[in-house]
Full PDB file with SEQRES, HELIX, SHEET, SSBOND, CRYST1, ORIGX, SCALE, CONECT and MASTER records, all heavy atoms in Angstrom:
SEQRES   1 A   32  GLU PRO GLU ARG VAL ARG LEU ALA ARG ILE LEU GLU ARG          
SEQRES   2 A   32  PRO GLY LEU SER PHE GLN LEU GLY GLY PHE GLU LEU PRO          
SEQRES   3 A   32  VAL PRO GLY ARG PRO VAL                                      
HELIX    1 AA1 PRO A    2  ALA A    8  1                                   7    
HELIX    2 AA2 ARG A    9  LEU A   11  5                                   3    
CRYST1    1.000    1.000    1.000  90.00  90.00  90.00 P 1           1          
ORIGX1      1.000000  0.000000  0.000000        0.00000                         
ORIGX2      0.000000  1.000000  0.000000        0.00000                         
ORIGX3      0.000000  0.000000  1.000000        0.00000                         
SCALE1      1.000000  0.000000  0.000000        0.00000                         
SCALE2      0.000000  1.000000  0.000000        0.00000                         
SCALE3      0.000000  0.000000  1.000000        0.00000                         
ATOM      1  N   GLU A   1      10.276 202.071  54.614  1.00  0.00           N  
ATOM      2  CA  GLU A   1       8.855 201.621  54.613  1.00  0.00           C  
ATOM      3  C   GLU A   1       8.300 201.721  56.026  1.00  0.00           C  
ATOM      4  O   GLU A   1       8.680 200.967  56.875  1.00  0.00           O  
ATOM      5  CB  GLU A   1       8.726 200.281  53.978  1.00  0.00           C  
ATOM      6  CG  GLU A   1       7.448 199.991  53.289  1.00  0.00           C  
ATOM      7  CD  GLU A   1       6.268 199.794  54.295  1.00  0.00           C  
ATOM      8  OE1 GLU A   1       6.461 198.981  55.202  1.00  0.00           O  
ATOM      9  OE2 GLU A   1       5.263 200.479  54.145  1.00  0.00           O  
ATOM     10  N   PRO A   2       7.293 202.589  56.261  1.00  0.00           N  
ATOM     11  CA  PRO A   2       6.781 202.826  57.631  1.00  0.00           C  
ATOM     12  C   PRO A   2       6.280 201.592  58.368  1.00  0.00           C  
ATOM     13  O   PRO A   2       6.520 201.386  59.521  1.00  0.00           O  
ATOM     14  CB  PRO A   2       5.663 203.803  57.432  1.00  0.00           C  
ATOM     15  CG  PRO A   2       6.024 204.545  56.210  1.00  0.00           C  
ATOM     16  CD  PRO A   2       6.676 203.495  55.291  1.00  0.00           C  
ATOM     17  N   GLU A   3       5.624 200.693  57.576  1.00  0.00           N  
ATOM     18  CA  GLU A   3       5.089 199.481  58.310  1.00  0.00           C  
ATOM     19  C   GLU A   3       6.184 198.618  58.779  1.00  0.00           C  
ATOM     20  O   GLU A   3       6.004 197.920  59.824  1.00  0.00           O  
ATOM     21  CB  GLU A   3       4.136 198.741  57.319  1.00  0.00           C  
ATOM     22  CG  GLU A   3       3.432 197.476  57.908  1.00  0.00           C  
ATOM     23  CD  GLU A   3       2.503 197.820  59.002  1.00  0.00           C  
ATOM     24  OE1 GLU A   3       2.179 199.013  59.265  1.00  0.00           O  
ATOM     25  OE2 GLU A   3       1.940 196.913  59.636  1.00  0.00           O  
ATOM     26  N   ARG A   4       7.220 198.506  58.010  1.00  0.00           N  
ATOM     27  CA  ARG A   4       8.395 197.669  58.501  1.00  0.00           C  
ATOM     28  C   ARG A   4       8.922 198.276  59.755  1.00  0.00           C  
ATOM     29  O   ARG A   4       9.354 197.434  60.683  1.00  0.00           O  
ATOM     30  CB  ARG A   4       9.492 197.586  57.429  1.00  0.00           C  
ATOM     31  CG  ARG A   4       9.008 196.912  56.146  1.00  0.00           C  
ATOM     32  CD  ARG A   4      10.034 197.049  55.041  1.00  0.00           C  
ATOM     33  NE  ARG A   4       9.556 196.437  53.779  1.00  0.00           N  
ATOM     34  CZ  ARG A   4      10.198 196.580  52.603  1.00  0.00           C  
ATOM     35  NH1 ARG A   4      11.367 197.246  52.498  1.00  0.00           N  
ATOM     36  NH2 ARG A   4       9.694 196.049  51.541  1.00  0.00           N  
ATOM     37  N   VAL A   5       9.023 199.526  59.907  1.00  0.00           N  
ATOM     38  CA  VAL A   5       9.534 200.129  61.121  1.00  0.00           C  
ATOM     39  C   VAL A   5       8.586 199.921  62.301  1.00  0.00           C  
ATOM     40  O   VAL A   5       8.990 199.563  63.411  1.00  0.00           O  
ATOM     41  CB  VAL A   5       9.744 201.635  60.964  1.00  0.00           C  
ATOM     42  CG1 VAL A   5      10.185 202.250  62.227  1.00  0.00           C  
ATOM     43  CG2 VAL A   5      10.769 201.870  59.799  1.00  0.00           C  
ATOM     44  N   ARG A   6       7.261 200.041  62.045  1.00  0.00           N  
ATOM     45  CA  ARG A   6       6.259 199.853  63.062  1.00  0.00           C  
ATOM     46  C   ARG A   6       6.359 198.388  63.653  1.00  0.00           C  
ATOM     47  O   ARG A   6       6.309 198.233  64.825  1.00  0.00           O  
ATOM     48  CB  ARG A   6       4.813 200.066  62.534  1.00  0.00           C  
ATOM     49  CG  ARG A   6       3.791 200.011  63.584  1.00  0.00           C  
ATOM     50  CD  ARG A   6       2.355 200.148  62.948  1.00  0.00           C  
ATOM     51  NE  ARG A   6       2.031 198.906  62.226  1.00  0.00           N  
ATOM     52  CZ  ARG A   6       1.553 197.847  62.845  1.00  0.00           C  
ATOM     53  NH1 ARG A   6       1.375 197.753  64.107  1.00  0.00           N  
ATOM     54  NH2 ARG A   6       1.239 196.729  62.042  1.00  0.00           N  
ATOM     55  N   LEU A   7       6.441 197.388  62.795  1.00  0.00           N  
ATOM     56  CA  LEU A   7       6.551 196.025  63.255  1.00  0.00           C  
ATOM     57  C   LEU A   7       7.843 195.750  63.996  1.00  0.00           C  
ATOM     58  O   LEU A   7       7.910 195.050  64.988  1.00  0.00           O  
ATOM     59  CB  LEU A   7       6.360 195.115  61.993  1.00  0.00           C  
ATOM     60  CG  LEU A   7       4.969 195.100  61.375  1.00  0.00           C  
ATOM     61  CD1 LEU A   7       5.033 194.281  60.153  1.00  0.00           C  
ATOM     62  CD2 LEU A   7       3.936 194.627  62.317  1.00  0.00           C  
ATOM     63  N   ALA A   8       8.915 196.331  63.482  1.00  0.00           N  
ATOM     64  CA  ALA A   8      10.216 196.081  64.113  1.00  0.00           C  
ATOM     65  C   ALA A   8      10.342 196.624  65.515  1.00  0.00           C  
ATOM     66  O   ALA A   8      11.058 196.108  66.404  1.00  0.00           O  
ATOM     67  CB  ALA A   8      11.313 196.667  63.215  1.00  0.00           C  
ATOM     68  N   ARG A   9       9.601 197.731  65.769  1.00  0.00           N  
ATOM     69  CA  ARG A   9       9.703 198.409  67.168  1.00  0.00           C  
ATOM     70  C   ARG A   9       9.285 197.522  68.253  1.00  0.00           C  
ATOM     71  O   ARG A   9       9.549 197.780  69.442  1.00  0.00           O  
ATOM     72  CB  ARG A   9       8.949 199.736  67.075  1.00  0.00           C  
ATOM     73  CG  ARG A   9       9.803 200.799  66.327  1.00  0.00           C  
ATOM     74  CD  ARG A   9       9.088 202.114  66.291  1.00  0.00           C  
ATOM     75  NE  ARG A   9      10.057 203.128  65.745  1.00  0.00           N  
ATOM     76  CZ  ARG A   9       9.613 204.295  65.217  1.00  0.00           C  
ATOM     77  NH1 ARG A   9       8.409 204.668  65.079  1.00  0.00           N  
ATOM     78  NH2 ARG A   9      10.581 205.119  64.860  1.00  0.00           N  
ATOM     79  N   ILE A  10       8.564 196.443  67.960  1.00  0.00           N  
ATOM     80  CA  ILE A  10       8.170 195.515  69.021  1.00  0.00           C  
ATOM     81  C   ILE A  10       9.408 194.891  69.594  1.00  0.00           C  
ATOM     82  O   ILE A  10       9.420 194.465  70.817  1.00  0.00           O  
ATOM     83  CB  ILE A  10       7.298 194.415  68.369  1.00  0.00           C  
ATOM     84  CG1 ILE A  10       5.983 195.040  67.836  1.00  0.00           C  
ATOM     85  CG2 ILE A  10       6.899 193.316  69.400  1.00  0.00           C  
ATOM     86  CD1 ILE A  10       5.066 194.101  67.004  1.00  0.00           C  
ATOM     87  N   LEU A  11      10.494 194.805  68.842  1.00  0.00           N  
ATOM     88  CA  LEU A  11      11.702 194.131  69.298  1.00  0.00           C  
ATOM     89  C   LEU A  11      12.728 195.117  69.940  1.00  0.00           C  
ATOM     90  O   LEU A  11      13.842 194.700  70.236  1.00  0.00           O  
ATOM     91  CB  LEU A  11      12.329 193.436  68.156  1.00  0.00           C  
ATOM     92  CG  LEU A  11      11.482 192.364  67.471  1.00  0.00           C  
ATOM     93  CD1 LEU A  11      12.202 191.715  66.240  1.00  0.00           C  
ATOM     94  CD2 LEU A  11      11.172 191.169  68.454  1.00  0.00           C  
ATOM     95  N   GLU A  12      12.350 196.343  70.060  1.00  0.00           N  
ATOM     96  CA  GLU A  12      13.263 197.342  70.642  1.00  0.00           C  
ATOM     97  C   GLU A  12      13.631 196.950  72.059  1.00  0.00           C  
ATOM     98  O   GLU A  12      12.834 196.435  72.817  1.00  0.00           O  
ATOM     99  CB  GLU A  12      12.736 198.774  70.568  1.00  0.00           C  
ATOM    100  CG  GLU A  12      12.635 199.309  69.176  1.00  0.00           C  
ATOM    101  CD  GLU A  12      12.226 200.808  69.139  1.00  0.00           C  
ATOM    102  OE1 GLU A  12      11.562 201.192  70.083  1.00  0.00           O  
ATOM    103  OE2 GLU A  12      12.566 201.460  68.162  1.00  0.00           O  
ATOM    104  N   ARG A  13      14.872 197.291  72.435  1.00  0.00           N  
ATOM    105  CA  ARG A  13      15.370 197.063  73.790  1.00  0.00           C  
ATOM    106  C   ARG A  13      16.474 198.022  74.034  1.00  0.00           C  
ATOM    107  O   ARG A  13      16.887 198.771  73.111  1.00  0.00           O  
ATOM    108  CB  ARG A  13      15.911 195.611  73.894  1.00  0.00           C  
ATOM    109  CG  ARG A  13      17.138 195.326  73.017  1.00  0.00           C  
ATOM    110  CD  ARG A  13      17.510 193.901  72.950  1.00  0.00           C  
ATOM    111  NE  ARG A  13      16.634 193.136  72.046  1.00  0.00           N  
ATOM    112  CZ  ARG A  13      16.913 191.910  71.636  1.00  0.00           C  
ATOM    113  NH1 ARG A  13      18.066 191.289  72.050  1.00  0.00           N  
ATOM    114  NH2 ARG A  13      16.119 191.262  70.806  1.00  0.00           N  
ATOM    115  N   PRO A  14      17.044 198.134  75.265  1.00  0.00           N  
ATOM    116  CA  PRO A  14      18.106 199.062  75.430  1.00  0.00           C  
ATOM    117  C   PRO A  14      19.266 198.789  74.473  1.00  0.00           C  
ATOM    118  O   PRO A  14      19.784 197.688  74.346  1.00  0.00           O  
ATOM    119  CB  PRO A  14      18.572 198.807  76.883  1.00  0.00           C  
ATOM    120  CG  PRO A  14      17.300 198.291  77.580  1.00  0.00           C  
ATOM    121  CD  PRO A  14      16.624 197.539  76.501  1.00  0.00           C  
ATOM    122  N   GLY A  15      19.664 199.813  73.715  1.00  0.00           N  
ATOM    123  CA  GLY A  15      20.757 199.699  72.780  1.00  0.00           C  
ATOM    124  C   GLY A  15      20.263 199.403  71.314  1.00  0.00           C  
ATOM    125  O   GLY A  15      21.068 199.517  70.392  1.00  0.00           O  
ATOM    126  N   LEU A  16      18.992 198.965  71.183  1.00  0.00           N  
ATOM    127  CA  LEU A  16      18.460 198.596  69.851  1.00  0.00           C  
ATOM    128  C   LEU A  16      17.222 199.370  69.569  1.00  0.00           C  
ATOM    129  O   LEU A  16      16.217 199.293  70.363  1.00  0.00           O  
ATOM    130  CB  LEU A  16      18.165 197.106  69.801  1.00  0.00           C  
ATOM    131  CG  LEU A  16      17.524 196.591  68.538  1.00  0.00           C  
ATOM    132  CD1 LEU A  16      18.456 196.840  67.286  1.00  0.00           C  
ATOM    133  CD2 LEU A  16      17.192 195.082  68.606  1.00  0.00           C  
ATOM    134  N   SER A  17      17.161 200.127  68.449  1.00  0.00           N  
ATOM    135  CA  SER A  17      15.950 200.873  68.062  1.00  0.00           C  
ATOM    136  C   SER A  17      15.760 200.851  66.600  1.00  0.00           C  
ATOM    137  O   SER A  17      16.689 200.389  65.832  1.00  0.00           O  
ATOM    138  CB  SER A  17      16.027 202.298  68.526  1.00  0.00           C  
ATOM    139  OG  SER A  17      17.155 202.948  68.019  1.00  0.00           O  
ATOM    140  N   PHE A  18      14.631 201.258  66.094  1.00  0.00           N  
ATOM    141  CA  PHE A  18      14.346 201.267  64.717  1.00  0.00           C  
ATOM    142  C   PHE A  18      13.799 202.665  64.277  1.00  0.00           C  
ATOM    143  O   PHE A  18      12.997 203.256  65.055  1.00  0.00           O  
ATOM    144  CB  PHE A  18      13.384 200.188  64.386  1.00  0.00           C  
ATOM    145  CG  PHE A  18      13.908 198.761  64.602  1.00  0.00           C  
ATOM    146  CD1 PHE A  18      13.794 198.211  65.863  1.00  0.00           C  
ATOM    147  CD2 PHE A  18      14.635 198.170  63.634  1.00  0.00           C  
ATOM    148  CE1 PHE A  18      14.269 196.923  66.092  1.00  0.00           C  
ATOM    149  CE2 PHE A  18      15.178 196.849  63.868  1.00  0.00           C  
ATOM    150  CZ  PHE A  18      15.013 196.243  65.121  1.00  0.00           C  
ATOM    151  N   GLN A  19      14.156 203.141  63.098  1.00  0.00           N  
ATOM    152  CA  GLN A  19      13.867 204.422  62.634  1.00  0.00           C  
ATOM    153  C   GLN A  19      13.519 204.501  61.202  1.00  0.00           C  
ATOM    154  O   GLN A  19      14.112 203.764  60.375  1.00  0.00           O  
ATOM    155  CB  GLN A  19      15.119 205.357  62.901  1.00  0.00           C  
ATOM    156  CG  GLN A  19      14.995 206.750  62.405  1.00  0.00           C  
ATOM    157  CD  GLN A  19      14.057 207.590  63.140  1.00  0.00           C  
ATOM    158  OE1 GLN A  19      14.032 207.518  64.381  1.00  0.00           O  
ATOM    159  NE2 GLN A  19      13.224 208.369  62.510  1.00  0.00           N  
ATOM    160  N   LEU A  20      12.521 205.365  60.852  1.00  0.00           N  
ATOM    161  CA  LEU A  20      12.111 205.544  59.443  1.00  0.00           C  
ATOM    162  C   LEU A  20      13.148 206.418  58.826  1.00  0.00           C  
ATOM    163  O   LEU A  20      13.554 207.437  59.384  1.00  0.00           O  
ATOM    164  CB  LEU A  20      10.801 206.228  59.389  1.00  0.00           C  
ATOM    165  CG  LEU A  20      10.253 206.522  58.020  1.00  0.00           C  
ATOM    166  CD1 LEU A  20       9.800 205.216  57.272  1.00  0.00           C  
ATOM    167  CD2 LEU A  20       8.952 207.406  58.095  1.00  0.00           C  
ATOM    168  N   GLY A  21      13.571 206.036  57.658  1.00  0.00           N  
ATOM    169  CA  GLY A  21      14.606 206.916  56.912  1.00  0.00           C  
ATOM    170  C   GLY A  21      15.231 206.167  55.771  1.00  0.00           C  
ATOM    171  O   GLY A  21      14.850 205.060  55.407  1.00  0.00           O  
ATOM    172  N   GLY A  22      16.196 206.799  55.192  1.00  0.00           N  
ATOM    173  CA  GLY A  22      16.866 206.313  53.995  1.00  0.00           C  
ATOM    174  C   GLY A  22      18.340 206.568  54.070  1.00  0.00           C  
ATOM    175  O   GLY A  22      18.968 206.564  55.124  1.00  0.00           O  
ATOM    176  N   PHE A  23      18.936 206.810  52.886  1.00  0.00           N  
ATOM    177  CA  PHE A  23      20.412 206.960  52.782  1.00  0.00           C  
ATOM    178  C   PHE A  23      20.883 208.267  53.523  1.00  0.00           C  
ATOM    179  O   PHE A  23      22.112 208.362  53.795  1.00  0.00           O  
ATOM    180  CB  PHE A  23      20.833 207.084  51.331  1.00  0.00           C  
ATOM    181  CG  PHE A  23      20.534 205.807  50.563  1.00  0.00           C  
ATOM    182  CD1 PHE A  23      19.634 205.736  49.496  1.00  0.00           C  
ATOM    183  CD2 PHE A  23      21.205 204.619  50.870  1.00  0.00           C  
ATOM    184  CE1 PHE A  23      19.475 204.571  48.794  1.00  0.00           C  
ATOM    185  CE2 PHE A  23      21.000 203.444  50.178  1.00  0.00           C  
ATOM    186  CZ  PHE A  23      20.111 203.408  49.195  1.00  0.00           C  
ATOM    187  N   GLU A  24      19.998 209.145  53.896  1.00  0.00           N  
ATOM    188  CA  GLU A  24      20.431 210.340  54.642  1.00  0.00           C  
ATOM    189  C   GLU A  24      20.792 210.044  56.104  1.00  0.00           C  
ATOM    190  O   GLU A  24      21.385 210.783  56.802  1.00  0.00           O  
ATOM    191  CB  GLU A  24      19.325 211.440  54.561  1.00  0.00           C  
ATOM    192  CG  GLU A  24      18.176 211.229  55.553  1.00  0.00           C  
ATOM    193  CD  GLU A  24      17.152 210.125  55.051  1.00  0.00           C  
ATOM    194  OE1 GLU A  24      17.390 209.532  53.937  1.00  0.00           O  
ATOM    195  OE2 GLU A  24      16.170 209.880  55.762  1.00  0.00           O  
ATOM    196  N   LEU A  25      20.360 208.790  56.578  1.00  0.00           N  
ATOM    197  CA  LEU A  25      20.681 208.302  57.876  1.00  0.00           C  
ATOM    198  C   LEU A  25      20.168 209.269  58.980  1.00  0.00           C  
ATOM    199  O   LEU A  25      21.062 209.991  59.624  1.00  0.00           O  
ATOM    200  CB  LEU A  25      22.179 208.012  58.072  1.00  0.00           C  
ATOM    201  CG  LEU A  25      22.807 207.082  57.058  1.00  0.00           C  
ATOM    202  CD1 LEU A  25      24.265 206.788  57.466  1.00  0.00           C  
ATOM    203  CD2 LEU A  25      22.079 205.763  57.004  1.00  0.00           C  
ATOM    204  N   PRO A  26      18.922 209.355  59.239  1.00  0.00           N  
ATOM    205  CA  PRO A  26      18.390 210.237  60.207  1.00  0.00           C  
ATOM    206  C   PRO A  26      18.572 209.765  61.664  1.00  0.00           C  
ATOM    207  O   PRO A  26      17.603 209.433  62.323  1.00  0.00           O  
ATOM    208  CB  PRO A  26      16.896 210.292  59.810  1.00  0.00           C  
ATOM    209  CG  PRO A  26      16.601 208.869  59.298  1.00  0.00           C  
ATOM    210  CD  PRO A  26      17.833 208.502  58.613  1.00  0.00           C  
ATOM    211  N   VAL A  27      19.863 209.695  62.096  1.00  0.00           N  
ATOM    212  CA  VAL A  27      20.128 209.195  63.379  1.00  0.00           C  
ATOM    213  C   VAL A  27      21.034 210.304  64.128  1.00  0.00           C  
ATOM    214  O   VAL A  27      21.685 210.974  63.489  1.00  0.00           O  
ATOM    215  CB  VAL A  27      20.862 207.861  63.406  1.00  0.00           C  
ATOM    216  CG1 VAL A  27      20.056 206.742  62.748  1.00  0.00           C  
ATOM    217  CG2 VAL A  27      22.153 207.952  62.612  1.00  0.00           C  
ATOM    218  N   PRO A  28      20.847 210.326  65.412  1.00  0.00           N  
ATOM    219  CA  PRO A  28      21.681 211.314  66.174  1.00  0.00           C  
ATOM    220  C   PRO A  28      23.108 210.775  66.280  1.00  0.00           C  
ATOM    221  O   PRO A  28      23.391 209.666  66.667  1.00  0.00           O  
ATOM    222  CB  PRO A  28      21.068 211.302  67.582  1.00  0.00           C  
ATOM    223  CG  PRO A  28      20.421 210.029  67.729  1.00  0.00           C  
ATOM    224  CD  PRO A  28      19.924 209.624  66.334  1.00  0.00           C  
ATOM    225  N   GLY A  29      24.066 211.598  65.813  1.00  0.00           N  
ATOM    226  CA  GLY A  29      25.453 211.248  65.929  1.00  0.00           C  
ATOM    227  C   GLY A  29      25.932 210.675  64.562  1.00  0.00           C  
ATOM    228  O   GLY A  29      25.159 210.567  63.637  1.00  0.00           O  
ATOM    229  N   ARG A  30      27.183 210.256  64.527  1.00  0.00           N  
ATOM    230  CA  ARG A  30      27.859 209.751  63.364  1.00  0.00           C  
ATOM    231  C   ARG A  30      28.136 208.276  63.562  1.00  0.00           C  
ATOM    232  O   ARG A  30      28.931 207.943  64.498  1.00  0.00           O  
ATOM    233  CB  ARG A  30      29.110 210.516  62.956  1.00  0.00           C  
ATOM    234  CG  ARG A  30      28.725 211.987  62.516  1.00  0.00           C  
ATOM    235  CD  ARG A  30      30.035 212.706  62.014  1.00  0.00           C  
ATOM    236  NE  ARG A  30      29.704 213.889  61.348  1.00  0.00           N  
ATOM    237  CZ  ARG A  30      29.469 214.126  60.071  1.00  0.00           C  
ATOM    238  NH1 ARG A  30      29.487 213.012  59.296  1.00  0.00           N  
ATOM    239  NH2 ARG A  30      29.162 215.296  59.592  1.00  0.00           N  
ATOM    240  N   PRO A  31      27.604 207.382  62.822  1.00  0.00           N  
ATOM    241  CA  PRO A  31      27.826 205.980  62.995  1.00  0.00           C  
ATOM    242  C   PRO A  31      29.302 205.508  62.673  1.00  0.00           C  
ATOM    243  O   PRO A  31      29.893 206.048  61.732  1.00  0.00           O  
ATOM    244  CB  PRO A  31      26.834 205.265  62.059  1.00  0.00           C  
ATOM    245  CG  PRO A  31      26.555 206.345  61.023  1.00  0.00           C  
ATOM    246  CD  PRO A  31      26.687 207.653  61.693  1.00  0.00           C  
ATOM    247  N   VAL A  32      29.720 204.542  63.445  1.00  0.00           N  
ATOM    248  CA  VAL A  32      31.071 203.905  63.216  1.00  0.00           C  
ATOM    249  C   VAL A  32      31.021 202.796  62.159  1.00  0.00           C  
ATOM    250  O   VAL A  32      31.966 202.454  61.497  1.00  0.00           O  
ATOM    251  CB  VAL A  32      31.764 203.526  64.509  1.00  0.00           C  
ATOM    252  CG1 VAL A  32      30.983 202.365  65.124  1.00  0.00           C  
ATOM    253  CG2 VAL A  32      33.183 203.116  64.322  1.00  0.00           C  
TER     254      VAL A  32                                                      
MASTER        0    0    0    2    0    0    0    6  253    1    0    3          
END                                                                             
């Protein structure tokens, strides 16, 4: 849900980020 991502990004810091997406996991790399 885009609005949830927009609001969460206020809390971003080094090592923590927020991304729009679903089960396809649109992130760089493979999560552990």
